[in-house]
Amino acid sequence: MTPAAVPTVFVIDDDDLVRTAIRGMLKSVGLRSETFGTPQEFLCSKRPDGPSCLVLDVRLPGVSGLDFQRELAQAGIRIPIIFIIGH
């Protein structure tokens, strides 16, 4: 598998401990992940072209996860999203 084809799970959560826990869980089952504290960090990153999904916190400071989902759709960024919430 070429590096671009390696599946990646992107994680956006404002809580560093949550990001670390999810990254560790994904690594334990052999999945590659990249984590971000804000949706803006995700948008500014260079993302590989391979298969991917997004684990997205619903409750983020500023833009909510649901608002960010709409922004992605409007920008033509098509990625499966798994929503999480700590409440």
N, C-alpha and C. Protein backbone atom coordinates (compact mmCIF):
# COMPACT_ATOMS: atom_id res chain seq x y z
N MET A 1 0.84 -1.18 0.00
CA MET A 1 0.00 0.00 0.00
C MET A 1 0.89 1.24 0.00
N THR A 2 0.66 2.17 -0.90
CA THR A 2 1.45 3.40 -0.94
C THR A 2 1.06 4.29 0.24
N PRO A 3 1.94 5.21 0.67
CA PRO A 3 1.61 6.08 1.79
C PRO A 3 0.30 6.84 1.59
N ALA A 4 0.01 7.25 0.36
CA ALA A 4 -1.23 7.99 0.11
C ALA A 4 -2.45 7.10 0.28
N ALA A 5 -2.28 5.78 0.14
CA ALA A 5 -3.41 4.87 0.22
C ALA A 5 -3.63 4.32 1.62
N VAL A 6 -2.77 4.68 2.58
CA VAL A 6 -2.95 4.21 3.95
C VAL A 6 -4.17 4.89 4.55
N PRO A 7 -5.13 4.11 5.05
CA PRO A 7 -6.32 4.73 5.66
C PRO A 7 -5.93 5.59 6.86
N THR A 8 -6.60 6.72 7.00
CA THR A 8 -6.31 7.65 8.09
C THR A 8 -7.60 8.03 8.78
N VAL A 9 -7.57 8.01 10.11
CA VAL A 9 -8.69 8.51 10.91
C VAL A 9 -8.27 9.88 11.43
N PHE A 10 -9.00 10.91 11.04
CA PHE A 10 -8.76 12.26 11.53
C PHE A 10 -9.64 12.48 12.75
N VAL A 11 -9.08 13.08 13.78
CA VAL A 11 -9.81 13.32 15.02
C VAL A 11 -9.78 14.82 15.32
N ILE A 12 -10.96 15.41 15.52
CA ILE A 12 -11.03 16.82 15.93
C ILE A 12 -11.76 16.87 17.26
N ASP A 13 -11.04 17.28 18.29
CA ASP A 13 -11.61 17.44 19.63
C ASP A 13 -10.79 18.49 20.36
N ASP A 14 -11.45 19.36 21.09
CA ASP A 14 -10.72 20.42 21.79
C ASP A 14 -10.04 19.93 23.06
N ASP A 15 -10.34 18.73 23.52
CA ASP A 15 -9.76 18.18 24.74
C ASP A 15 -8.55 17.31 24.39
N ASP A 16 -7.37 17.74 24.82
CA ASP A 16 -6.14 17.03 24.51
C ASP A 16 -6.15 15.59 25.03
N LEU A 17 -6.72 15.37 26.21
CA LEU A 17 -6.78 14.02 26.78
C LEU A 17 -7.65 13.10 25.92
N VAL A 18 -8.74 13.63 25.40
CA VAL A 18 -9.61 12.83 24.54
C VAL A 18 -8.87 12.48 23.25
N ARG A 19 -8.20 13.48 22.65
CA ARG A 19 -7.44 13.22 21.42
C ARG A 19 -6.38 12.14 21.65
N THR A 20 -5.67 12.24 22.77
CA THR A 20 -4.63 11.27 23.08
C THR A 20 -5.22 9.88 23.28
N ALA A 21 -6.34 9.79 23.97
CA ALA A 21 -6.98 8.49 24.21
C ALA A 21 -7.45 7.86 22.90
N ILE A 22 -8.08 8.65 22.04
CA ILE A 22 -8.56 8.12 20.76
C ILE A 22 -7.38 7.70 19.89
N ARG A 23 -6.34 8.52 19.85
CA ARG A 23 -5.15 8.18 19.06
C ARG A 23 -4.56 6.85 19.55
N GLY A 24 -4.47 6.66 20.87
CA GLY A 24 -3.94 5.42 21.42
C GLY A 24 -4.81 4.22 21.08
N MET A 25 -6.12 4.39 21.15
CA MET A 25 -7.04 3.29 20.83
C MET A 25 -6.90 2.90 19.36
N LEU A 26 -6.85 3.91 18.48
CA LEU A 26 -6.71 3.63 17.05
C LEU A 26 -5.39 2.94 16.74
N LYS A 27 -4.32 3.41 17.38
CA LYS A 27 -3.00 2.79 17.18
C LYS A 27 -3.00 1.34 17.63
N SER A 28 -3.73 1.06 18.73
CA SER A 28 -3.75 -0.31 19.28
C SER A 28 -4.40 -1.31 18.32
N VAL A 29 -5.21 -0.83 17.39
CA VAL A 29 -5.83 -1.72 16.40
C VAL A 29 -5.22 -1.51 15.01
N GLY A 30 -4.06 -0.83 14.97
CA GLY A 30 -3.31 -0.71 13.73
C GLY A 30 -3.78 0.38 12.78
N LEU A 31 -4.54 1.35 13.27
CA LEU A 31 -5.02 2.42 12.40
C LEU A 31 -4.16 3.67 12.56
N ARG A 32 -3.90 4.33 11.45
CA ARG A 32 -3.17 5.59 11.44
C ARG A 32 -4.14 6.70 11.78
N SER A 33 -3.69 7.67 12.57
CA SER A 33 -4.57 8.80 12.90
C SER A 33 -3.78 10.10 12.92
N GLU A 34 -4.51 11.17 12.72
CA GLU A 34 -3.99 12.54 12.89
C GLU A 34 -5.01 13.27 13.73
N THR A 35 -4.54 14.04 14.70
CA THR A 35 -5.46 14.73 15.60
C THR A 35 -5.31 16.24 15.50
N PHE A 36 -6.43 16.91 15.77
CA PHE A 36 -6.49 18.36 15.67
C PHE A 36 -7.35 18.90 16.82
N GLY A 37 -6.96 20.05 17.34
CA GLY A 37 -7.72 20.68 18.42
C GLY A 37 -8.87 21.54 17.94
N THR A 38 -8.82 21.94 16.66
CA THR A 38 -9.87 22.80 16.11
C THR A 38 -10.16 22.40 14.66
N PRO A 39 -11.35 22.71 14.19
CA PRO A 39 -11.64 22.48 12.77
C PRO A 39 -10.70 23.24 11.85
N GLN A 40 -10.28 24.42 12.25
CA GLN A 40 -9.38 25.23 11.44
C GLN A 40 -8.04 24.53 11.23
N GLU A 41 -7.52 23.88 12.29
CA GLU A 41 -6.26 23.13 12.16
C GLU A 41 -6.42 22.02 11.13
N PHE A 42 -7.56 21.35 11.15
CA PHE A 42 -7.83 20.29 10.18
C PHE A 42 -7.84 20.85 8.76
N LEU A 43 -8.55 21.96 8.57
CA LEU A 43 -8.65 22.55 7.23
C LEU A 43 -7.30 23.02 6.70
N CYS A 44 -6.42 23.47 7.59
CA CYS A 44 -5.11 23.98 7.17
C CYS A 44 -4.08 22.88 6.96
N SER A 45 -4.41 21.65 7.34
CA SER A 45 -3.44 20.56 7.23
C SER A 45 -3.42 20.00 5.81
N LYS A 46 -2.28 19.39 5.47
CA LYS A 46 -2.17 18.68 4.20
C LYS A 46 -2.61 17.25 4.49
N ARG A 47 -3.74 16.87 3.91
CA ARG A 47 -4.30 15.56 4.17
C ARG A 47 -3.99 14.61 3.02
N PRO A 48 -3.63 13.35 3.36
CA PRO A 48 -3.37 12.38 2.30
C PRO A 48 -4.63 12.09 1.50
N ASP A 49 -4.45 11.60 0.27
CA ASP A 49 -5.58 11.33 -0.61
C ASP A 49 -6.23 9.97 -0.36
N GLY A 50 -5.67 9.15 0.50
CA GLY A 50 -6.19 7.81 0.72
C GLY A 50 -7.52 7.81 1.45
N PRO A 51 -8.04 6.63 1.72
CA PRO A 51 -9.31 6.51 2.43
C PRO A 51 -9.19 7.11 3.82
N SER A 52 -10.28 7.73 4.27
CA SER A 52 -10.24 8.38 5.58
C SER A 52 -11.64 8.54 6.14
N CYS A 53 -11.67 8.85 7.42
CA CYS A 53 -12.91 9.27 8.07
C CYS A 53 -12.53 10.29 9.13
N LEU A 54 -13.55 10.94 9.65
CA LEU A 54 -13.34 12.01 10.63
C LEU A 54 -14.12 11.67 11.89
N VAL A 55 -13.43 11.69 13.03
CA VAL A 55 -14.09 11.59 14.33
C VAL A 55 -14.18 13.02 14.84
N LEU A 56 -15.41 13.50 15.02
CA LEU A 56 -15.65 14.92 15.26
C LEU A 56 -16.47 15.14 16.51
N ASP A 57 -15.95 15.95 17.41
CA ASP A 57 -16.68 16.32 18.63
C ASP A 57 -17.83 17.25 18.25
N VAL A 58 -19.00 16.97 18.79
CA VAL A 58 -20.17 17.81 18.50
C VAL A 58 -20.03 19.16 19.18
N ARG A 59 -19.49 19.17 20.40
CA ARG A 59 -19.40 20.41 21.17
C ARG A 59 -17.97 20.94 21.15
N LEU A 60 -17.73 21.87 20.25
CA LEU A 60 -16.43 22.53 20.15
C LEU A 60 -16.61 24.01 20.45
N PRO A 61 -15.59 24.66 20.99
CA PRO A 61 -15.69 26.11 21.16
C PRO A 61 -15.77 26.79 19.80
N GLY A 62 -16.58 27.81 19.68
CA GLY A 62 -16.74 28.48 18.39
C GLY A 62 -17.71 27.72 17.52
N VAL A 63 -17.23 27.17 16.42
CA VAL A 63 -18.08 26.42 15.50
C VAL A 63 -18.36 25.03 16.09
N SER A 64 -19.62 24.61 16.06
CA SER A 64 -19.95 23.27 16.56
C SER A 64 -19.59 22.22 15.52
N GLY A 65 -19.53 20.97 15.96
CA GLY A 65 -19.26 19.89 15.04
C GLY A 65 -20.28 19.82 13.91
N LEU A 66 -21.55 20.06 14.24
CA LEU A 66 -22.60 20.03 13.22
C LEU A 66 -22.45 21.18 12.23
N ASP A 67 -22.06 22.35 12.73
CA ASP A 67 -21.80 23.48 11.83
C ASP A 67 -20.62 23.17 10.92
N PHE A 68 -19.59 22.53 11.49
CA PHE A 68 -18.42 22.19 10.69
C PHE A 68 -18.77 21.16 9.61
N GLN A 69 -19.64 20.23 9.94
CA GLN A 69 -20.10 19.27 8.94
C GLN A 69 -20.73 20.00 7.75
N ARG A 70 -21.56 21.01 8.03
CA ARG A 70 -22.17 21.81 6.95
C ARG A 70 -21.11 22.54 6.14
N GLU A 71 -20.10 23.10 6.83
CA GLU A 71 -19.01 23.80 6.13
C GLU A 71 -18.27 22.85 5.19
N LEU A 72 -18.00 21.65 5.66
CA LEU A 72 -17.31 20.67 4.82
C LEU A 72 -18.15 20.35 3.58
N ALA A 73 -19.44 20.13 3.77
CA ALA A 73 -20.32 19.80 2.65
C ALA A 73 -20.36 20.96 1.65
N GLN A 74 -20.46 22.19 2.15
CA GLN A 74 -20.50 23.35 1.26
C GLN A 74 -19.19 23.53 0.50
N ALA A 75 -18.08 23.11 1.12
CA ALA A 75 -16.77 23.23 0.47
C ALA A 75 -16.48 22.04 -0.44
N GLY A 76 -17.40 21.08 -0.50
CA GLY A 76 -17.20 19.91 -1.36
C GLY A 76 -16.25 18.89 -0.78
N ILE A 77 -15.98 18.98 0.51
CA ILE A 77 -15.10 18.01 1.17
C ILE A 77 -15.98 16.87 1.68
N ARG A 78 -15.88 15.75 1.00
CA ARG A 78 -16.71 14.59 1.32
C ARG A 78 -15.89 13.59 2.12
N ILE A 79 -16.28 13.41 3.37
CA ILE A 79 -15.57 12.49 4.26
C ILE A 79 -16.60 11.92 5.24
N PRO A 80 -16.58 10.61 5.47
CA PRO A 80 -17.48 10.06 6.48
C PRO A 80 -17.15 10.63 7.85
N ILE A 81 -18.18 10.93 8.64
CA ILE A 81 -17.98 11.54 9.95
C ILE A 81 -18.62 10.68 11.03
N ILE A 82 -17.85 10.45 12.09
CA ILE A 82 -18.35 9.81 13.30
C ILE A 82 -18.38 10.90 14.35
N PHE A 83 -19.57 11.22 14.86
CA PHE A 83 -19.70 12.26 15.87
C PHE A 83 -19.54 11.66 17.25
N ILE A 84 -18.85 12.40 18.13
CA ILE A 84 -18.72 12.01 19.52
C ILE A 84 -19.12 13.19 20.39
N ILE A 85 -19.53 12.90 21.62
CA ILE A 85 -19.87 13.96 22.56
C ILE A 85 -19.58 13.44 23.97
N GLY A 86 -19.08 14.29 24.80
CA GLY A 86 -18.72 13.90 26.16
C GLY A 86 -19.83 14.14 27.16
N HIS A 87 -21.01 14.53 26.69
CA HIS A 87 -22.12 14.81 27.62
C HIS A 87 -23.20 13.78 27.49
